[in-house]
């Protein structure tokens, strides 16, 4: 800072001017990579999480496209059954464990410390270690496609006894069975059903663990673009707590068909969890109600989240009923419900959050201030300004062709043979004749500028034009087509008739009442 009169900033009457900071000194070669590897900054780790999960999202999406391409026609097209099993196993694993869950950690690292006013997370090094463990573990799982036996093919739920010693997820119970001769998951003792209980006791709350943070993302975005505070904040908080609590008591609705669960209890719990979810919908809709809505990109994604997640919730209520679940269990109805819930919740909310917080996370949307006559080479605007300059010169060059065309046409028009050979006179044009060339130019116009001469007289028309439809000039030029064109427009003209006179015949046509 410097003052205009040479005094210090505290001097009375001094004019303080802002000085531009010196550009940051660049580090040695390779320092950027080293800083990424060793960073404990939660903001950078959040970006790393989001970049990594986006890459896994694309990989999982490619697997989904391969599966849908295989199922587009009957018969095996380009995948073997083993390859298909590997694809749907890794697709589910990637989307739920390598994309959905770590995306939550990405937003949490990048945004949460800022929201609570904290300078850092509680355990920075442990936080960084969790990212690298996630990256290496996920990479190892996906790299199974590079092995001779291929990737895991037992389904992303790892149901027993489909997972063998090679594909074991490493849980203690499975290891005890396979290595020490245990019978925890022995089919003879109902152990496979026990595995389903254990898996879904983890797996169903996992869905809500993933969903609840994205509910928060939407609850952050809607008030901003509705220009209103969140509606029913207290009810929204209690609904979140209710969903978290009830999620621990609904896992067995995945197992209605096994006959090994108490149907009335789990059906009631599954129906009951729809209540706090409905409260959240009420909060979101109430926030938008009578708000000053602006439909920027984050808001559009948030609205897509609401609609898609609503479809998933409605189909989930159907699955909560045991009689209906018996009919659609293990069908594509369940697949559709699951994808409506997870895709609508995670993907739509993720894109909404990225568009919403991208400037905060990267600073890349700050842009160059307008009305500046100069900028420093280190500002990073050189390439974009060069592209903008090239585009402006290209735009200027395009204007020269337009000006040349106008001048050339004006000069040529003086020598056009405007004769009366083949000319005709139309009603409303006085004694002026239209040459065939003029008729060609103005023959298909609908509005009244084409119902007078080229160029028009001082008062535009020699006679007041007759207007009986939304196409007065067209009907003036083609009176013999009036009846057909009006009948094809399905407007329903009245029964009055007028006579449109031409130079050689008279037609009776319907007129507007």
Protein backbone atom coordinates (compact mmCIF):
# COMPACT_ATOMS: atom_id res chain seq x y z
CA UNK A 1 0.00 0.00 0.00
CA UNK A 2 1.20 3.53 -0.68
CA UNK A 3 -0.36 6.94 -0.07
CA UNK A 4 -0.72 9.69 -2.61
CA UNK A 5 1.10 12.31 -0.50
CA UNK A 6 3.90 10.09 0.67
CA UNK A 7 2.47 9.70 4.16
CA UNK A 8 1.76 6.39 5.79
CA UNK A 9 -1.61 4.66 5.58
CA UNK A 10 -2.65 6.09 8.93
CA UNK A 11 -2.07 9.72 7.95
CA UNK A 12 -5.16 11.86 8.00
CA UNK A 13 -6.38 12.85 4.55
CA UNK A 14 -4.07 10.49 2.72
CA UNK A 15 -5.24 8.75 -0.44
CA UNK A 16 -4.51 5.06 -0.26
CA UNK A 17 -3.87 3.28 -3.54
CA UNK A 18 -3.82 -0.48 -4.01
CA UNK A 19 -0.60 -1.84 -5.45
CA UNK A 20 -0.39 -5.01 -7.46
CA UNK A 21 1.39 -7.86 -5.62
CA UNK A 22 4.48 -9.34 -7.15
CA UNK A 23 3.92 -12.61 -9.02
CA UNK A 24 4.68 -15.75 -7.05
CA UNK A 25 8.09 -17.23 -7.72
CA UNK A 26 7.92 -20.52 -9.59
CA UNK A 27 9.34 -23.57 -7.85
CA UNK A 28 11.96 -25.95 -9.21
CA UNK A 29 11.09 -28.46 -11.90
CA UNK A 30 8.95 -31.27 -10.55
CA UNK A 31 7.97 -29.35 -7.45
CA UNK A 32 4.28 -29.38 -8.45
CA UNK A 33 4.20 -33.18 -8.53
CA UNK A 34 6.03 -33.37 -5.23
CA UNK A 35 3.63 -30.92 -3.62
CA UNK A 36 0.67 -33.03 -4.76
CA UNK A 37 2.21 -36.23 -3.40
CA UNK A 38 3.07 -34.72 -0.03
CA UNK A 39 0.19 -32.29 0.44
CA UNK A 40 -2.04 -32.28 3.50
CA UNK A 41 -4.09 -29.30 2.31
CA UNK A 42 -7.74 -30.43 2.43
CA UNK A 43 -8.67 -28.13 -0.44
CA UNK A 44 -6.14 -29.76 -2.76
CA UNK A 45 -7.03 -33.22 -1.47
CA UNK A 46 -10.69 -32.49 -2.16
CA UNK A 47 -9.89 -31.62 -5.77
CA UNK A 48 -7.78 -34.77 -6.05
CA UNK A 49 -10.67 -36.84 -4.72
CA UNK A 50 -13.09 -35.31 -7.23
CA UNK A 51 -10.71 -35.75 -10.18
CA UNK A 52 -10.04 -39.37 -9.23
CA UNK A 53 -13.70 -40.24 -8.69
CA UNK A 54 -14.62 -38.61 -11.99
CA UNK A 55 -12.09 -40.87 -13.74
CA UNK A 56 -13.58 -43.94 -12.05
CA UNK A 57 -17.07 -42.68 -12.95
CA UNK A 58 -16.08 -42.62 -16.61
CA UNK A 59 -14.61 -46.12 -16.34
CA UNK A 60 -17.75 -47.45 -14.67
CA UNK A 61 -19.91 -45.70 -17.25
CA UNK A 62 -17.92 -47.33 -20.06
CA UNK A 63 -18.61 -50.72 -18.48
CA UNK A 64 -22.32 -49.89 -18.37
CA UNK A 65 -22.25 -49.00 -22.07
CA UNK A 66 -20.58 -52.31 -22.89
CA UNK A 67 -23.25 -54.20 -20.96
CA UNK A 68 -26.09 -52.29 -22.59
CA UNK A 69 -24.52 -52.86 -26.00
CA UNK A 70 -24.44 -56.59 -25.28
CA UNK A 71 -28.09 -56.63 -24.20
CA UNK A 72 -29.34 -54.56 -27.13
CA UNK A 73 -30.03 -57.71 -29.16
CA UNK A 74 -30.69 -61.35 -28.24
CA UNK A 75 -27.73 -63.69 -28.21
CA UNK A 76 -24.14 -63.05 -27.25
CA UNK A 77 -22.84 -60.14 -29.32
CA UNK A 78 -19.25 -59.36 -28.34
CA UNK A 79 -18.99 -60.40 -24.67
CA UNK A 80 -18.74 -63.82 -23.12
CA UNK A 81 -20.84 -64.65 -20.04
CA UNK A 82 -17.71 -64.50 -17.89
CA UNK A 83 -16.80 -61.07 -19.24
CA UNK A 84 -20.34 -59.85 -18.63
CA UNK A 85 -20.17 -61.05 -15.01
CA UNK A 86 -16.87 -59.24 -14.57
CA UNK A 87 -18.31 -56.04 -16.02
CA UNK A 88 -21.40 -55.86 -13.84
CA UNK A 89 -19.37 -56.82 -10.76
CA UNK A 90 -16.80 -54.09 -11.30
CA UNK A 91 -19.43 -51.61 -12.50
CA UNK A 92 -21.30 -51.87 -9.20
CA UNK A 93 -18.12 -51.83 -7.15
CA UNK A 94 -16.69 -48.82 -8.96
CA UNK A 95 -19.86 -46.77 -8.94
CA UNK A 96 -20.69 -47.32 -5.28
CA UNK A 97 -17.28 -47.68 -3.61
CA UNK A 98 -14.87 -45.90 -5.97
CA UNK A 99 -17.12 -43.07 -7.16
CA UNK A 100 -20.11 -42.33 -4.92
CA UNK A 101 -18.51 -42.65 -1.49
CA UNK A 102 -15.17 -40.90 -2.26
CA UNK A 103 -17.04 -38.06 -3.97
CA UNK A 104 -18.51 -37.26 -0.56
CA UNK A 105 -14.97 -37.05 0.82
CA UNK A 106 -14.01 -34.74 -2.04
CA UNK A 107 -16.70 -32.18 -1.23
CA UNK A 108 -16.09 -32.63 2.49
CA UNK A 109 -12.38 -31.82 2.16
CA UNK A 110 -12.81 -28.92 -0.23
CA UNK A 111 -15.83 -27.20 1.34
CA UNK A 112 -16.55 -28.37 4.88
CA UNK A 113 -13.56 -26.72 6.67
CA UNK A 114 -14.48 -23.45 4.99
CA UNK A 115 -18.12 -23.79 6.01
CA UNK A 116 -17.32 -24.27 9.69
CA UNK A 117 -14.49 -21.71 9.75
CA UNK A 118 -11.74 -24.24 10.42
CA UNK A 119 -8.19 -23.72 9.08
CA UNK A 120 -7.69 -27.44 8.45
CA UNK A 121 -9.10 -30.88 9.18
CA UNK A 122 -8.42 -32.52 12.54
CA UNK A 123 -5.82 -35.05 11.32
CA UNK A 124 -4.26 -33.73 8.09
CA UNK A 125 -1.75 -36.56 7.54
CA UNK A 126 -4.33 -39.25 8.22
CA UNK A 127 -6.63 -37.47 5.80
CA UNK A 128 -3.95 -37.54 3.10
CA UNK A 129 -3.18 -41.19 3.82
CA UNK A 130 -6.84 -42.12 3.31
CA UNK A 131 -6.77 -40.66 -0.20
CA UNK A 132 -3.67 -42.58 -1.25
CA UNK A 133 -5.02 -45.82 0.22
CA UNK A 134 -8.24 -45.26 -1.71
CA UNK A 135 -6.36 -44.57 -4.94
CA UNK A 136 -4.06 -47.59 -4.70
CA UNK A 137 -6.81 -49.96 -3.56
CA UNK A 138 -9.22 -48.90 -6.29
CA UNK A 139 -6.48 -49.12 -8.91
CA UNK A 140 -5.61 -52.65 -7.78
CA UNK A 141 -9.25 -53.72 -7.98
CA UNK A 142 -9.71 -52.35 -11.49
CA UNK A 143 -6.36 -53.72 -12.68
CA UNK A 144 -7.85 -57.20 -12.29
CA UNK A 145 -8.88 -56.84 -15.93
CA UNK A 146 -5.17 -57.03 -16.82
CA UNK A 147 -4.72 -60.46 -15.25
CA UNK A 148 -5.26 -63.74 -17.17
CA UNK A 149 -8.29 -64.65 -15.07
CA UNK A 150 -9.89 -61.24 -15.41
CA UNK A 151 -11.49 -59.10 -12.76
CA UNK A 152 -13.88 -60.20 -10.01
CA UNK A 153 -17.01 -61.86 -11.39
CA UNK A 154 -19.06 -62.82 -8.31
CA UNK A 155 -21.29 -59.74 -8.28
CA UNK A 156 -20.67 -56.52 -6.42
CA UNK A 157 -22.57 -57.85 -3.38
CA UNK A 158 -20.07 -60.75 -3.03
CA UNK A 159 -22.81 -63.21 -2.13
CA UNK A 160 -21.62 -66.54 -0.73
CA UNK A 161 -20.66 -69.04 -2.04
CA UNK A 162 -19.93 -67.14 -5.27
CA UNK A 163 -16.80 -65.51 -3.86
CA UNK A 164 -13.92 -67.99 -3.65
CA UNK A 165 -10.49 -67.68 -2.14
CA UNK A 166 -9.20 -65.71 -5.11
CA UNK A 167 -12.01 -63.18 -5.12
CA UNK A 168 -12.46 -62.99 -1.36
CA UNK A 169 -12.84 -59.41 -0.14
CA UNK A 170 -10.69 -60.41 2.86
CA UNK A 171 -13.32 -60.36 5.58
CA UNK A 172 -12.50 -62.42 8.64
CA UNK A 173 -15.49 -64.72 8.37
CA UNK A 174 -14.78 -65.71 4.79
CA UNK A 175 -11.10 -66.20 5.53
CA UNK A 176 -12.00 -68.42 8.49
CA UNK A 177 -14.26 -70.52 6.26
CA UNK A 178 -11.81 -70.89 3.39
CA UNK A 179 -8.54 -71.32 5.26
CA UNK A 180 -9.38 -72.77 8.66
CA UNK A 181 -12.32 -75.00 7.80
CA UNK A 182 -14.97 -72.88 9.47
CA UNK A 183 -18.67 -73.14 8.74
CA UNK A 184 -19.84 -69.56 9.25
CA UNK A 185 -21.22 -69.31 5.73
CA UNK A 186 -21.86 -73.01 5.16
CA UNK A 187 -24.99 -73.44 2.99
CA UNK A 188 -26.01 -76.45 5.08
CA UNK A 189 -26.49 -74.21 8.12
CA UNK A 190 -28.05 -71.27 6.31
CA UNK A 191 -24.77 -69.44 6.27
CA UNK A 192 -25.32 -67.85 2.89
CA UNK A 193 -28.39 -66.08 4.27
CA UNK A 194 -26.25 -64.94 7.19
CA UNK A 195 -23.87 -63.39 4.68
CA UNK A 196 -26.78 -61.52 3.09
CA UNK A 197 -27.77 -60.22 6.51
CA UNK A 198 -24.24 -59.03 7.21
CA UNK A 199 -23.80 -57.51 3.78
CA UNK A 200 -27.08 -55.61 3.69
CA UNK A 201 -26.69 -54.54 7.31
CA UNK A 202 -23.66 -52.71 5.95
CA UNK A 203 -24.85 -52.08 2.40
CA UNK A 204 -28.19 -50.40 2.97
CA UNK A 205 -26.97 -47.82 5.50
CA UNK A 206 -24.10 -47.26 3.05
CA UNK A 207 -26.64 -46.00 0.53
CA UNK A 208 -27.88 -43.43 3.01
CA UNK A 209 -24.36 -42.57 4.11
CA UNK A 210 -23.75 -41.65 0.49
CA UNK A 211 -27.14 -39.96 -0.05
CA UNK A 212 -27.33 -37.74 3.04
CA UNK A 213 -24.32 -35.53 2.15
CA UNK A 214 -25.78 -34.97 -1.30
CA UNK A 215 -29.07 -33.99 0.32
CA UNK A 216 -26.97 -31.35 2.03
CA UNK A 217 -25.49 -30.24 -1.30
CA UNK A 218 -28.97 -29.68 -2.71
CA UNK A 219 -30.05 -27.92 0.48
CA UNK A 220 -27.12 -25.51 0.00
CA UNK A 221 -27.87 -24.79 -3.65
CA UNK A 222 -31.66 -24.31 -3.65
CA UNK A 223 -31.74 -21.33 -1.23
CA UNK A 224 -29.05 -19.52 -3.23
CA UNK A 225 -30.92 -19.66 -6.53
CA UNK A 226 -34.35 -19.25 -4.92
CA UNK A 227 -33.24 -16.08 -3.12
CA UNK A 228 -34.80 -17.42 0.07
CA UNK A 229 -33.55 -19.12 3.23
CA UNK A 230 -34.12 -22.85 3.49
CA UNK A 231 -37.71 -23.61 4.39
CA UNK A 232 -38.22 -25.51 7.65
CA UNK A 233 -34.58 -25.78 8.67
CA UNK A 234 -35.33 -27.52 11.97
CA UNK A 235 -37.56 -30.09 10.30
CA UNK A 236 -34.85 -30.66 7.69
CA UNK A 237 -32.29 -31.44 10.40
CA UNK A 238 -34.62 -33.82 12.24
CA UNK A 239 -35.48 -35.53 8.94
CA UNK A 240 -31.77 -36.11 8.34
CA UNK A 241 -31.40 -37.66 11.79
CA UNK A 242 -34.52 -39.76 11.22
CA UNK A 243 -33.21 -41.13 7.93
CA UNK A 244 -29.86 -41.95 9.52
CA UNK A 245 -31.53 -43.81 12.39
CA UNK A 246 -34.09 -45.71 10.35
CA UNK A 247 -31.44 -46.77 7.80
CA UNK A 248 -30.15 -49.26 10.38
CA UNK A 249 -33.51 -51.03 10.58
CA UNK A 250 -34.51 -51.59 6.95
CA UNK A 251 -31.74 -53.80 5.54
CA UNK A 252 -33.85 -56.96 5.36
CA UNK A 253 -36.27 -55.61 2.76
CA UNK A 254 -33.66 -56.87 0.30
CA UNK A 255 -34.36 -60.37 1.63
CA UNK A 256 -38.15 -60.64 1.59
CA UNK A 257 -37.99 -63.57 -0.84
CA UNK A 258 -35.71 -65.63 1.40
CA UNK A 259 -38.46 -66.24 3.95
CA UNK A 260 -35.93 -65.71 6.73
CA UNK A 261 -37.00 -62.22 7.87
CA UNK A 262 -39.93 -60.82 9.83
CA UNK A 263 -41.97 -59.24 7.05
CA UNK A 264 -44.31 -56.97 9.08
CA UNK A 265 -41.47 -55.27 10.98
CA UNK A 266 -39.18 -54.60 8.03
CA UNK A 267 -42.09 -53.59 5.81
CA UNK A 268 -43.21 -51.05 8.42
CA UNK A 269 -39.68 -49.68 8.80
CA UNK A 270 -39.27 -49.43 5.01
CA UNK A 271 -42.53 -47.51 4.68
CA UNK A 272 -41.62 -45.34 7.66
CA UNK A 273 -38.32 -44.16 6.20
CA UNK A 274 -40.28 -42.53 3.38
CA UNK A 275 -41.69 -40.02 5.91
CA UNK A 276 -38.49 -38.06 6.69
CA UNK A 277 -37.55 -38.26 3.02
CA UNK A 278 -40.90 -36.69 2.16
CA UNK A 279 -40.21 -33.98 4.73
CA UNK A 280 -37.05 -33.11 2.83
CA UNK A 281 -39.01 -32.82 -0.40
CA UNK A 282 -41.43 -30.52 1.40
CA UNK A 283 -38.49 -28.39 2.60
CA UNK A 284 -36.99 -28.15 -0.88
CA UNK A 285 -40.27 -27.31 -2.60
CA UNK A 286 -41.14 -24.81 0.13
CA UNK A 287 -37.77 -23.14 -0.40
CA UNK A 288 -38.52 -22.62 -4.09
CA UNK A 289 -42.16 -21.65 -3.54
CA UNK A 290 -42.64 -17.93 -4.34
CA UNK A 291 -38.89 -17.47 -4.50
CA UNK A 292 -37.02 -15.35 -7.03
CA UNK A 293 -35.81 -18.36 -8.99
CA UNK A 294 -32.84 -18.09 -11.30
CA UNK A 295 -32.03 -21.11 -13.41
CA UNK A 296 -28.27 -21.15 -13.47
CA UNK A 297 -26.55 -24.46 -14.15
CA UNK A 298 -26.33 -25.63 -10.50
CA UNK A 299 -30.04 -24.92 -10.05
CA UNK A 300 -30.95 -26.91 -13.17
CA UNK A 301 -28.97 -29.91 -11.91
CA UNK A 302 -30.64 -29.56 -8.50
CA UNK A 303 -34.08 -29.65 -10.12
CA UNK A 304 -33.03 -32.74 -12.06
CA UNK A 305 -31.98 -34.29 -8.75
CA UNK A 306 -35.43 -33.65 -7.25
CA UNK A 307 -37.33 -35.14 -10.18
CA UNK A 308 -35.12 -38.21 -10.61
CA UNK A 309 -34.87 -38.96 -6.92
CA UNK A 310 -38.65 -38.65 -6.66
CA UNK A 311 -39.04 -41.45 -9.21
CA UNK A 312 -36.62 -43.58 -7.21
CA UNK A 313 -38.48 -42.92 -3.98
CA UNK A 314 -41.89 -43.76 -5.43
CA UNK A 315 -40.60 -47.04 -6.85
CA UNK A 316 -38.98 -47.78 -3.49
CA UNK A 317 -42.33 -47.49 -1.72
CA UNK A 318 -43.59 -50.25 -4.01
CA UNK A 319 -40.67 -52.48 -3.04
CA UNK A 320 -41.39 -51.91 0.64
CA UNK A 321 -44.58 -53.97 0.29
CA UNK A 322 -43.78 -57.72 0.55
CA UNK A 323 -46.59 -58.89 -1.80
CA UNK A 324 -45.40 -56.54 -4.53
CA UNK A 325 -41.74 -57.23 -3.83
CA UNK A 326 -42.30 -60.98 -4.31
CA UNK A 327 -43.37 -60.29 -7.91
CA UNK A 328 -40.58 -57.91 -8.91
CA UNK A 329 -37.71 -59.22 -6.78
CA UNK A 330 -34.51 -59.80 -8.78
CA UNK A 331 -36.03 -58.15 -11.88
CA UNK A 332 -35.07 -55.04 -13.78
CA UNK A 333 -37.66 -53.14 -11.74
CA UNK A 334 -35.23 -53.33 -8.81
CA UNK A 335 -32.35 -52.29 -11.07
CA UNK A 336 -34.35 -49.29 -12.30
CA UNK A 337 -35.29 -48.27 -8.75
CA UNK A 338 -31.70 -48.58 -7.57
CA UNK A 339 -30.35 -46.48 -10.43
CA UNK A 340 -33.05 -43.83 -10.06
CA UNK A 341 -32.10 -43.46 -6.41
CA UNK A 342 -28.33 -43.51 -6.78
CA UNK A 343 -27.99 -41.81 -10.16
CA UNK A 344 -30.57 -39.19 -9.27
CA UNK A 345 -28.99 -38.59 -5.89
CA UNK A 346 -25.28 -38.89 -6.53
CA UNK A 347 -24.69 -37.91 -10.14
CA UNK A 348 -27.14 -35.01 -10.34
CA UNK A 349 -26.06 -33.65 -6.95
CA UNK A 350 -22.38 -34.11 -7.82
CA UNK A 351 -22.68 -32.09 -10.99
CA UNK A 352 -24.73 -29.47 -9.16
CA UNK A 353 -22.07 -29.21 -6.47
CA UNK A 354 -19.19 -29.06 -8.94
CA UNK A 355 -20.82 -26.27 -10.93
CA UNK A 356 -21.72 -24.47 -7.71
CA UNK A 357 -18.35 -24.67 -5.95
CA UNK A 358 -15.99 -24.87 -8.93
CA UNK A 359 -14.98 -21.19 -8.67
CA UNK A 360 -14.43 -21.60 -4.93
CA UNK A 361 -12.29 -24.72 -5.35
CA UNK A 362 -10.19 -23.59 -8.30
CA UNK A 363 -10.57 -19.83 -8.74
CA UNK A 364 -10.71 -20.53 -12.47
CA UNK A 365 -13.93 -18.59 -13.06
CA UNK A 366 -12.68 -15.29 -11.65
CA UNK A 367 -11.68 -14.23 -15.18
CA UNK A 368 -9.91 -11.08 -16.27
CA UNK A 369 -11.55 -7.87 -15.03
CA UNK A 370 -13.11 -5.83 -17.80
CA UNK A 371 -11.97 -2.36 -18.91
CA UNK A 372 -8.31 -3.06 -18.15
CA UNK A 373 -5.86 -1.72 -20.70
CA UNK A 374 -3.05 -4.09 -19.78
CA UNK A 375 -2.22 -7.23 -17.82
CA UNK A 376 0.89 -9.06 -16.67
CA UNK A 377 2.25 -12.12 -18.46
CA UNK A 378 1.97 -14.05 -15.20
CA UNK A 379 -1.78 -13.42 -14.93
CA UNK A 380 -2.51 -16.36 -17.21
CA UNK A 381 -4.74 -14.44 -19.61
CA UNK A 382 -2.37 -14.33 -22.61
CA UNK A 383 -3.70 -17.39 -24.44
CA UNK A 384 -7.34 -16.49 -23.94
CA UNK A 385 -6.75 -12.89 -25.03
CA UNK A 386 -4.95 -14.13 -28.15
CA UNK A 387 -7.89 -16.37 -29.04
CA UNK A 388 -10.31 -13.51 -28.44
CA UNK A 389 -8.23 -11.19 -30.63
CA UNK A 390 -8.12 -13.70 -33.50
CA UNK A 391 -11.88 -14.14 -33.25
CA UNK A 392 -12.47 -10.39 -33.35
CA UNK A 393 -10.33 -9.99 -36.48
CA UNK A 394 -12.18 -12.89 -38.09
CA UNK A 395 -15.45 -11.18 -37.25
CA UNK A 396 -14.17 -7.94 -38.78
CA UNK A 397 -13.11 -9.76 -41.95
CA UNK A 398 -16.60 -11.22 -42.29
CA UNK A 399 -18.07 -7.71 -42.26
CA UNK A 400 -16.01 -6.72 -45.31
CA UNK A 401 -17.76 -9.34 -47.43
CA UNK A 402 -21.13 -8.02 -46.29
CA UNK A 403 -20.23 -4.42 -47.16
CA UNK A 404 -18.86 -5.47 -50.56
CA UNK A 405 -22.04 -7.45 -51.27
CA UNK A 406 -24.26 -4.45 -50.45
CA UNK A 407 -22.24 -2.05 -52.60
CA UNK A 408 -22.05 -4.49 -55.52
CA UNK A 409 -25.78 -5.20 -55.37
CA UNK A 410 -26.64 -1.49 -55.25
CA UNK A 411 -24.45 -0.79 -58.28
CA UNK A 412 -25.91 -3.71 -60.24
CA UNK A 413 -29.51 -2.75 -59.45
CA UNK A 414 -29.19 0.46 -61.48
CA UNK A 415 -28.83 -1.54 -64.69
CA UNK A 416 -31.62 -4.06 -64.04
CA UNK A 417 -34.18 -4.20 -66.92
CA UNK A 418 -37.24 -3.00 -64.95
CA UNK A 419 -39.68 -3.28 -67.85
CA UNK A 420 -43.42 -3.79 -67.85
CA UNK A 421 -43.18 -6.94 -69.92
CA UNK A 422 -45.12 -9.63 -68.11
CA UNK A 423 -45.97 -7.26 -65.28
CA UNK A 424 -49.20 -7.46 -63.31
CA UNK A 425 -51.08 -5.13 -60.99
CA UNK A 426 -52.18 -6.27 -57.56
CA UNK A 427 -54.95 -4.76 -55.46
CA UNK A 428 -53.70 -2.07 -53.10
CA UNK A 429 -50.82 -0.97 -55.36
CA UNK A 430 -52.52 1.74 -57.38
CA UNK A 431 -51.21 2.01 -60.91
CA UNK A 432 -47.84 0.50 -60.11
CA UNK A 433 -46.91 -2.66 -61.92
CA UNK A 434 -44.92 -5.60 -60.60
CA UNK A 435 -42.36 -7.14 -62.87
CA UNK A 436 -41.69 -10.90 -62.74
CA UNK A 437 -38.42 -10.23 -60.92
CA UNK A 438 -40.21 -8.26 -58.20
CA UNK A 439 -42.91 -10.91 -57.92
CA UNK A 440 -40.21 -13.50 -57.36
CA UNK A 441 -38.67 -11.44 -54.57
CA UNK A 442 -41.89 -10.74 -52.71
CA UNK A 443 -44.05 -13.69 -53.70
CA UNK A 444 -43.95 -15.73 -50.49
CA UNK A 445 -43.90 -13.04 -47.82
CA UNK A 446 -46.71 -13.10 -45.28
CA UNK A 447 -46.63 -9.70 -43.60
CA UNK A 448 -47.66 -6.34 -45.05
CA UNK A 449 -44.23 -5.03 -46.05
CA UNK A 450 -44.56 -7.40 -49.04
CA UNK A 451 -47.97 -5.96 -49.99
CA UNK A 452 -46.59 -2.72 -51.38
CA UNK A 453 -44.09 -1.72 -54.01
CA UNK A 454 -40.33 -2.06 -53.86
CA UNK A 455 -39.30 0.45 -52.66
CA UNK A 456 -42.43 1.69 -50.82
CA UNK A 457 -43.95 5.12 -51.55
CA UNK A 458 -43.90 8.05 -49.11
CA UNK A 459 -46.93 6.87 -47.17
CA UNK A 460 -46.11 3.17 -47.63
CA UNK A 461 -49.36 2.15 -49.38
CA UNK A 462 -51.32 3.53 -52.32
CA UNK A 463 -54.46 1.98 -50.88
CA UNK A 464 -55.12 0.66 -47.40
CA UNK A 465 -54.40 -3.07 -47.51
CA UNK A 466 -57.14 -5.56 -46.73
CA UNK A 467 -56.37 -7.75 -43.71
CA UNK A 468 -58.46 -10.88 -43.25
CA UNK A 469 -55.88 -13.23 -41.72
CA UNK A 470 -52.41 -13.39 -40.25
CA UNK A 471 -51.00 -13.71 -43.82
CA UNK A 472 -52.40 -10.66 -45.66
CA UNK A 473 -49.59 -10.27 -48.20
CA UNK A 474 -49.58 -13.95 -49.13
CA UNK A 475 -53.37 -13.94 -49.70
CA UNK A 476 -53.01 -10.76 -51.76
CA UNK A 477 -50.50 -12.43 -54.05
CA UNK A 478 -52.24 -15.82 -54.23
CA UNK A 479 -56.01 -15.28 -53.92
CA UNK A 480 -56.73 -18.61 -55.58
CA UNK A 481 -55.05 -20.41 -52.66
CA UNK A 482 -56.97 -18.69 -49.85
CA UNK A 483 -59.63 -21.33 -49.44
CA UNK A 484 -57.19 -24.23 -49.39
CA UNK A 485 -54.68 -22.56 -47.07
CA UNK A 486 -57.35 -21.59 -44.55
CA UNK A 487 -58.81 -25.07 -44.53
CA UNK A 488 -55.37 -26.55 -43.88
CA UNK A 489 -54.70 -24.14 -41.02
CA UNK A 490 -57.63 -25.59 -39.00
CA UNK A 491 -58.49 -22.19 -37.61
CA UNK A 492 -62.22 -22.47 -38.27
CA UNK A 493 -63.17 -19.50 -40.42
CA UNK A 494 -66.76 -18.31 -40.54
CA UNK A 495 -69.34 -18.73 -43.29
CA UNK A 496 -69.17 -15.26 -44.80
CA UNK A 497 -67.77 -15.07 -48.31
CA UNK A 498 -65.93 -12.31 -50.09
CA UNK A 499 -64.84 -12.05 -53.67
CA UNK A 500 -61.16 -11.65 -54.36
CA UNK A 501 -60.75 -10.20 -57.82
CA UNK A 502 -57.72 -10.95 -59.92
CA UNK A 503 -56.88 -9.80 -63.41
CA UNK A 504 -58.45 -12.85 -65.07
CA UNK A 505 -60.88 -14.56 -62.69
CA UNK A 506 -62.99 -14.19 -59.56
CA UNK A 507 -62.95 -16.66 -56.69
CA UNK A 508 -65.42 -17.04 -53.82
CA UNK A 509 -63.55 -17.68 -50.58
CA UNK A 510 -64.36 -17.95 -46.91
CA UNK A 511 -63.72 -14.81 -44.93
CA UNK A 512 -63.15 -14.22 -41.30
CA UNK A 513 -66.27 -13.20 -39.39
